[in-house]
Amino acid sequence: MGTRSLICVFKDGKYKVAQYSQWDGYPEGQGIGVLKFLTKEMDRNLFETKLNMVRFGTEEELNKQWKECGADDSGWVNMEVSNRHKKLYPENDRDTGSDILSIIQNTNKPLVLENSLEFAADSLFCEWAYVIDLDKNTFEVYEGFNQEPLDDNERFSFLDYNPPHRTDKYYPVRLVAIFDINNLPTEEEFLNTFKSDED
């Protein structure tokens, strides 16, 4: 289902990952994906080491990846180009979602990622966001459709989004749950946290 979301990793005072995800952004989808990585896959030392091999790319570098796959300057790509890009650069594919975490942990080469942090600014489109904060040792969940200003202490309060072509006002995604990475919930407990929101 086309529920868009953002998956972030924060370490050493800055964002290392800000991954846009096109599909299954709700807690049962990408949320559970992040939780499964944290509880079943993550080797903390290895993951943090591999994060040092990751950086955000420039627009020129990211465009070069697409051109390598056959894209032109029109801004449109066909399925052949899209599939080639997905195969060569899965770390920058909109379908990757929470799998970006495993890709990073298992990489043997430097990765150049797209920085989609600004996506959290407009919660009409960013319906959910998930943040692994390795400095605070937390797994945080943020929800979209927020039409109230954020307090200054909210993570995404520094973002501003007010497109001139829209009369509605949606603020950045708002924190709805926070978990200690050393004491994470079961999948059932995790999903129960959001039941009232979904009902």
C-alpha atoms as a PDB file:
ATOM      1  CA  MET A   1       0.000   0.000   0.000  1.00  0.00           C
ATOM      2  CA  GLY A   2       1.315   3.471  -0.893  1.00  0.00           C
ATOM      3  CA  THR A   3       1.756   4.801   2.636  1.00  0.00           C
ATOM      4  CA  ARG A   4       4.854   6.965   2.539  1.00  0.00           C
ATOM      5  CA  SER A   5       7.303   7.183   5.407  1.00  0.00           C
ATOM      6  CA  LEU A   6      10.789   8.167   6.467  1.00  0.00           C
ATOM      7  CA  ILE A   7      13.408   5.996   8.191  1.00  0.00           C
ATOM      8  CA  CYS A   8      16.252   7.785   9.951  1.00  0.00           C
ATOM      9  CA  VAL A   9      19.374   6.880  11.878  1.00  0.00           C
ATOM     10  CA  PHE A  10      20.913   9.542  14.132  1.00  0.00           C
ATOM     11  CA  LYS A  11      24.430   9.191  15.505  1.00  0.00           C
ATOM     12  CA  ASP A  12      27.162  11.521  16.765  1.00  0.00           C
ATOM     13  CA  GLY A  13      24.802  14.467  16.717  1.00  0.00           C
ATOM     14  CA  LYS A  14      23.705  14.166  13.099  1.00  0.00           C
ATOM     15  CA  TYR A  15      21.540  12.197  10.725  1.00  0.00           C
ATOM     16  CA  LYS A  16      23.398   9.399   8.978  1.00  0.00           C
ATOM     17  CA  VAL A  17      20.341   7.969   7.218  1.00  0.00           C
ATOM     18  CA  ALA A  18      17.113   9.666   6.073  1.00  0.00           C
ATOM     19  CA  GLN A  19      15.482   7.091   3.809  1.00  0.00           C
ATOM     20  CA  TYR A  20      12.291   7.849   1.900  1.00  0.00           C
ATOM     21  CA  SER A  21       9.976   4.856   1.613  1.00  0.00           C
ATOM     22  CA  GLN A  22       7.061   4.724  -0.826  1.00  0.00           C
ATOM     23  CA  TRP A  23       5.216   1.682   0.521  1.00  0.00           C
ATOM     24  CA  ASP A  24       3.785   0.210   3.732  1.00  0.00           C
ATOM     25  CA  GLY A  25       4.838   3.101   5.942  1.00  0.00           C
ATOM     26  CA  TYR A  26       2.392   2.265   8.754  1.00  0.00           C
ATOM     27  CA  PRO A  27       3.594   0.489  11.937  1.00  0.00           C
ATOM     28  CA  GLU A  28       2.575  -2.984  10.677  1.00  0.00           C
ATOM     29  CA  GLY A  29       4.809  -2.428   7.664  1.00  0.00           C
ATOM     30  CA  GLN A  30       7.987  -0.369   7.902  1.00  0.00           C
ATOM     31  CA  GLY A  31       7.595   0.039  11.666  1.00  0.00           C
ATOM     32  CA  ILE A  32       7.774  -3.711  12.220  1.00  0.00           C
ATOM     33  CA  GLY A  33      10.614  -3.858   9.704  1.00  0.00           C
ATOM     34  CA  VAL A  34      12.686  -1.443  11.786  1.00  0.00           C
ATOM     35  CA  LEU A  35      11.756  -3.251  15.010  1.00  0.00           C
ATOM     36  CA  LYS A  36      12.781  -6.633  13.546  1.00  0.00           C
ATOM     37  CA  PHE A  37      16.140  -5.222  12.521  1.00  0.00           C
ATOM     38  CA  LEU A  38      16.750  -3.842  16.000  1.00  0.00           C
ATOM     39  CA  THR A  39      15.693  -7.012  17.828  1.00  0.00           C
ATOM     40  CA  LYS A  40      16.868  -9.773  15.494  1.00  0.00           C
ATOM     41  CA  GLU A  41      19.523  -8.491  13.106  1.00  0.00           C
ATOM     42  CA  MET A  42      21.442  -5.551  14.468  1.00  0.00           C
ATOM     43  CA  ASP A  43      25.009  -6.122  15.583  1.00  0.00           C
ATOM     44  CA  ARG A  44      25.424  -2.780  17.328  1.00  0.00           C
ATOM     45  CA  ASN A  45      29.198  -2.497  16.954  1.00  0.00           C
ATOM     46  CA  LEU A  46      29.133  -3.659  13.338  1.00  0.00           C
ATOM     47  CA  PHE A  47      26.205  -1.410  12.429  1.00  0.00           C
ATOM     48  CA  GLU A  48      27.846   1.664  13.938  1.00  0.00           C
ATOM     49  CA  THR A  49      31.106   0.837  12.150  1.00  0.00           C
ATOM     50  CA  LYS A  50      29.305   0.490   8.835  1.00  0.00           C
ATOM     51  CA  LEU A  51      27.530   3.805   9.374  1.00  0.00           C
ATOM     52  CA  ASN A  52      30.962   5.373   9.018  1.00  0.00           C
ATOM     53  CA  MET A  53      30.955   4.083   5.413  1.00  0.00           C
ATOM     54  CA  VAL A  54      27.728   5.973   4.668  1.00  0.00           C
ATOM     55  CA  ARG A  55      27.291   9.579   3.610  1.00  0.00           C
ATOM     56  CA  PHE A  56      24.692  11.712   1.884  1.00  0.00           C
ATOM     57  CA  GLY A  57      25.352  12.315  -1.779  1.00  0.00           C
ATOM     58  CA  THR A  58      25.185  15.552  -3.695  1.00  0.00           C
ATOM     59  CA  GLU A  59      22.477  16.079  -6.297  1.00  0.00           C
ATOM     60  CA  GLU A  60      25.168  15.649  -8.950  1.00  0.00           C
ATOM     61  CA  GLU A  61      26.304  12.300  -7.517  1.00  0.00           C
ATOM     62  CA  LEU A  62      22.762  10.964  -7.266  1.00  0.00           C
ATOM     63  CA  ASN A  63      21.929  12.101 -10.802  1.00  0.00           C
ATOM     64  CA  LYS A  64      25.072  10.352 -12.000  1.00  0.00           C
ATOM     65  CA  GLN A  65      23.751   7.080 -10.559  1.00  0.00           C
ATOM     66  CA  TRP A  66      20.555   7.465 -12.577  1.00  0.00           C
ATOM     67  CA  LYS A  67      22.403   8.372 -15.773  1.00  0.00           C
ATOM     68  CA  GLU A  68      24.603   5.318 -15.333  1.00  0.00           C
ATOM     69  CA  CYS A  69      21.367   3.313 -15.445  1.00  0.00           C
ATOM     70  CA  GLY A  70      20.188   4.971 -18.660  1.00  0.00           C
ATOM     71  CA  ALA A  71      18.193   7.986 -17.462  1.00  0.00           C
ATOM     72  CA  ASP A  72      18.196  11.225 -19.459  1.00  0.00           C
ATOM     73  CA  ASP A  73      17.613  14.815 -18.325  1.00  0.00           C
ATOM     74  CA  SER A  74      13.827  14.743 -18.772  1.00  0.00           C
ATOM     75  CA  GLY A  75      13.127  13.773 -15.167  1.00  0.00           C
ATOM     76  CA  TRP A  76      11.221  10.670 -16.275  1.00  0.00           C
ATOM     77  CA  VAL A  77      12.457   7.091 -16.347  1.00  0.00           C
ATOM     78  CA  ASN A  78      10.951   3.919 -17.783  1.00  0.00           C
ATOM     79  CA  MET A  79      10.675   0.627 -15.914  1.00  0.00           C
ATOM     80  CA  GLU A  80      13.852  -0.730 -17.499  1.00  0.00           C
ATOM     81  CA  VAL A  81      15.893   2.182 -16.147  1.00  0.00           C
ATOM     82  CA  SER A  82      14.111   2.045 -12.801  1.00  0.00           C
ATOM     83  CA  ASN A  83      14.760  -1.679 -12.398  1.00  0.00           C
ATOM     84  CA  ARG A  84      18.424  -1.254 -13.348  1.00  0.00           C
ATOM     85  CA  HIS A  85      18.792   1.505 -10.752  1.00  0.00           C
ATOM     86  CA  LYS A  86      17.081  -0.641  -8.122  1.00  0.00           C
ATOM     87  CA  LYS A  87      19.493  -3.488  -8.829  1.00  0.00           C
ATOM     88  CA  LEU A  88      22.660  -1.366  -8.837  1.00  0.00           C
ATOM     89  CA  TYR A  89      21.690   1.105  -6.099  1.00  0.00           C
ATOM     90  CA  PRO A  90      19.102  -0.533  -3.821  1.00  0.00           C
ATOM     91  CA  GLU A  91      20.187   1.844  -1.052  1.00  0.00           C
ATOM     92  CA  ASN A  92      18.523   4.673  -3.007  1.00  0.00           C
ATOM     93  CA  ASP A  93      15.387   2.904  -4.170  1.00  0.00           C
ATOM     94  CA  ARG A  94      11.959   3.985  -2.968  1.00  0.00           C
ATOM     95  CA  ASP A  95      10.981   0.324  -2.486  1.00  0.00           C
ATOM     96  CA  THR A  96      13.811  -0.489  -0.052  1.00  0.00           C
ATOM     97  CA  GLY A  97      12.197   0.809   3.131  1.00  0.00           C
ATOM     98  CA  SER A  98      13.530  -0.657   6.371  1.00  0.00           C
ATOM     99  CA  ASP A  99      15.805  -3.002   4.408  1.00  0.00           C
ATOM    100  CA  ILE A 100      18.181  -0.030   4.187  1.00  0.00           C
ATOM    101  CA  LEU A 101      19.311  -0.945   7.712  1.00  0.00           C
ATOM    102  CA  SER A 102      20.419  -4.449   6.674  1.00  0.00           C
ATOM    103  CA  ILE A 103      21.990  -3.070   3.507  1.00  0.00           C
ATOM    104  CA  ILE A 104      24.125  -0.729   5.598  1.00  0.00           C
ATOM    105  CA  GLN A 105      25.109  -3.395   8.119  1.00  0.00           C
ATOM    106  CA  ASN A 106      26.095  -5.826   5.373  1.00  0.00           C
ATOM    107  CA  THR A 107      27.836  -3.420   3.021  1.00  0.00           C
ATOM    108  CA  ASN A 108      31.488  -3.840   2.091  1.00  0.00           C
ATOM    109  CA  LYS A 109      31.725  -0.551   0.229  1.00  0.00           C
ATOM    110  CA  PRO A 110      31.039   3.121   0.937  1.00  0.00           C
ATOM    111  CA  LEU A 111      27.400   4.025   0.304  1.00  0.00           C
ATOM    112  CA  VAL A 112      26.183   7.346  -1.060  1.00  0.00           C
ATOM    113  CA  LEU A 113      22.621   7.895   0.148  1.00  0.00           C
ATOM    114  CA  GLU A 114      19.896  10.346  -0.709  1.00  0.00           C
ATOM    115  CA  ASN A 115      19.016  12.708   2.140  1.00  0.00           C
ATOM    116  CA  SER A 116      15.221  12.838   2.409  1.00  0.00           C
ATOM    117  CA  LEU A 117      15.058  14.467   5.850  1.00  0.00           C
ATOM    118  CA  GLU A 118      12.982  17.375   4.518  1.00  0.00           C
ATOM    119  CA  PHE A 119      10.194  14.890   3.751  1.00  0.00           C
ATOM    120  CA  ALA A 120       9.311  14.885   7.477  1.00  0.00           C
ATOM    121  CA  ALA A 121       8.341  18.553   7.170  1.00  0.00           C
ATOM    122  CA  ASP A 122       5.031  17.972   5.384  1.00  0.00           C
ATOM    123  CA  SER A 123       3.012  15.469   7.342  1.00  0.00           C
ATOM    124  CA  LEU A 124       0.213  15.401   4.764  1.00  0.00           C
ATOM    125  CA  PHE A 125       2.523  13.229   2.661  1.00  0.00           C
ATOM    126  CA  CYS A 126       4.917  11.834   5.262  1.00  0.00           C
ATOM    127  CA  GLU A 127       2.428   9.662   7.126  1.00  0.00           C
ATOM    128  CA  TRP A 128       4.938   7.992   9.476  1.00  0.00           C
ATOM    129  CA  ALA A 129       8.580   8.411  10.425  1.00  0.00           C
ATOM    130  CA  TYR A 130      10.893   6.080  12.348  1.00  0.00           C
ATOM    131  CA  VAL A 131      14.082   7.251  14.019  1.00  0.00           C
ATOM    132  CA  ILE A 132      16.838   5.118  15.498  1.00  0.00           C
ATOM    133  CA  ASP A 133      18.771   7.509  17.736  1.00  0.00           C
ATOM    134  CA  LEU A 134      22.018   5.794  18.691  1.00  0.00           C
ATOM    135  CA  ASP A 135      23.074   8.747  20.854  1.00  0.00           C
ATOM    136  CA  LYS A 136      19.957   8.522  23.037  1.00  0.00           C
ATOM    137  CA  ASN A 137      19.603   4.764  22.543  1.00  0.00           C
ATOM    138  CA  THR A 138      16.002   5.157  21.424  1.00  0.00           C
ATOM    139  CA  PHE A 139      13.648   3.976  18.696  1.00  0.00           C
ATOM    140  CA  GLU A 140      11.126   6.731  18.028  1.00  0.00           C
ATOM    141  CA  VAL A 141       7.910   6.727  16.019  1.00  0.00           C
ATOM    142  CA  TYR A 142       6.345   9.841  14.491  1.00  0.00           C
ATOM    143  CA  GLU A 143       2.927  10.225  12.912  1.00  0.00           C
ATOM    144  CA  GLY A 144       1.742  12.450  10.093  1.00  0.00           C
ATOM    145  CA  PHE A 145      -1.447  14.420   9.364  1.00  0.00           C
ATOM    146  CA  ASN A 146      -0.317  16.906  12.003  1.00  0.00           C
ATOM    147  CA  GLN A 147      -2.069  20.272  11.790  1.00  0.00           C
ATOM    148  CA  GLU A 148      -0.707  21.678  15.046  1.00  0.00           C
ATOM    149  CA  PRO A 149       2.659  23.439  15.465  1.00  0.00           C
ATOM    150  CA  LEU A 150       5.334  21.405  17.193  1.00  0.00           C
ATOM    151  CA  ASP A 151       6.882  22.357  20.507  1.00  0.00           C
ATOM    152  CA  ASP A 152      10.459  23.522  20.188  1.00  0.00           C
ATOM    153  CA  ASN A 153      11.696  20.349  21.914  1.00  0.00           C
ATOM    154  CA  GLU A 154      10.229  18.098  19.202  1.00  0.00           C
ATOM    155  CA  ARG A 155      12.825  16.463  16.942  1.00  0.00           C
ATOM    156  CA  PHE A 156      11.482  17.853  13.668  1.00  0.00           C
ATOM    157  CA  SER A 157      10.426  21.306  14.923  1.00  0.00           C
ATOM    158  CA  PHE A 158      13.297  22.916  12.983  1.00  0.00           C
ATOM    159  CA  LEU A 159      11.698  21.940   9.691  1.00  0.00           C
ATOM    160  CA  ASP A 160       9.336  24.352   7.983  1.00  0.00           C
ATOM    161  CA  TYR A 161       7.055  23.579   5.076  1.00  0.00           C
ATOM    162  CA  ASN A 162       4.522  25.975   3.609  1.00  0.00           C
ATOM    163  CA  PRO A 163       4.131  25.522  -0.152  1.00  0.00           C
ATOM    164  CA  PRO A 164       2.527  28.527  -1.887  1.00  0.00           C
ATOM    165  CA  HIS A 165       0.138  26.373  -3.949  1.00  0.00           C
ATOM    166  CA  ARG A 166      -1.592  24.863  -0.879  1.00  0.00           C
ATOM    167  CA  THR A 167      -4.074  26.551   1.428  1.00  0.00           C
ATOM    168  CA  ASP A 168      -4.015  23.797   4.065  1.00  0.00           C
ATOM    169  CA  LYS A 169      -1.283  23.744   6.696  1.00  0.00           C
ATOM    170  CA  TYR A 170       0.418  20.561   7.767  1.00  0.00           C
ATOM    171  CA  TYR A 171       3.307  20.730  10.183  1.00  0.00           C
ATOM    172  CA  PRO A 172       6.147  18.214  10.538  1.00  0.00           C
ATOM    173  CA  VAL A 173       5.437  14.728  11.839  1.00  0.00           C
ATOM    174  CA  ARG A 174       4.800  14.480  15.603  1.00  0.00           C
ATOM    175  CA  LEU A 175       6.292  12.052  18.137  1.00  0.00           C
ATOM    176  CA  VAL A 176       3.799   9.390  19.231  1.00  0.00           C
ATOM    177  CA  ALA A 177       5.991   6.701  20.809  1.00  0.00           C
ATOM    178  CA  ILE A 178       9.509   6.206  22.084  1.00  0.00           C
ATOM    179  CA  PHE A 179      11.205   2.942  23.045  1.00  0.00           C
ATOM    180  CA  ASP A 180      14.481   2.087  24.757  1.00  0.00           C
ATOM    181  CA  ILE A 181      16.638   0.108  22.322  1.00  0.00           C
ATOM    182  CA  ASN A 182      17.784  -2.075  25.217  1.00  0.00           C
ATOM    183  CA  ASN A 183      14.204  -2.867  26.211  1.00  0.00           C
ATOM    184  CA  LEU A 184      12.225  -3.069  23.003  1.00  0.00           C
ATOM    185  CA  PRO A 185       8.615  -4.280  22.870  1.00  0.00           C
ATOM    186  CA  THR A 186       7.417  -7.444  21.216  1.00  0.00           C
ATOM    187  CA  GLU A 187       5.793  -6.987  17.833  1.00  0.00           C
ATOM    188  CA  GLU A 188       2.358  -7.298  19.440  1.00  0.00           C
ATOM    189  CA  GLU A 189       3.187  -4.736  22.126  1.00  0.00           C
ATOM    190  CA  PHE A 190       4.584  -2.405  19.479  1.00  0.00           C
ATOM    191  CA  LEU A 191       1.441  -2.568  17.340  1.00  0.00           C
ATOM    192  CA  ASN A 192      -0.849  -2.186  20.369  1.00  0.00           C
ATOM    193  CA  THR A 193       0.813   1.188  21.000  1.00  0.00           C
ATOM    194  CA  PHE A 194      -0.835   2.522  17.832  1.00  0.00           C
ATOM    195  CA  LYS A 195      -4.176   0.757  17.956  1.00  0.00           C
ATOM    196  CA  SER A 196      -6.154   3.767  19.127  1.00  0.00           C
ATOM    197  CA  ASP A 197      -4.653   5.893  16.337  1.00  0.00           C
ATOM    198  CA  GLU A 198      -5.625   3.397  13.657  1.00  0.00           C
ATOM    199  CA  ASP A 199      -9.083   2.702  15.076  1.00  0.00           C
END
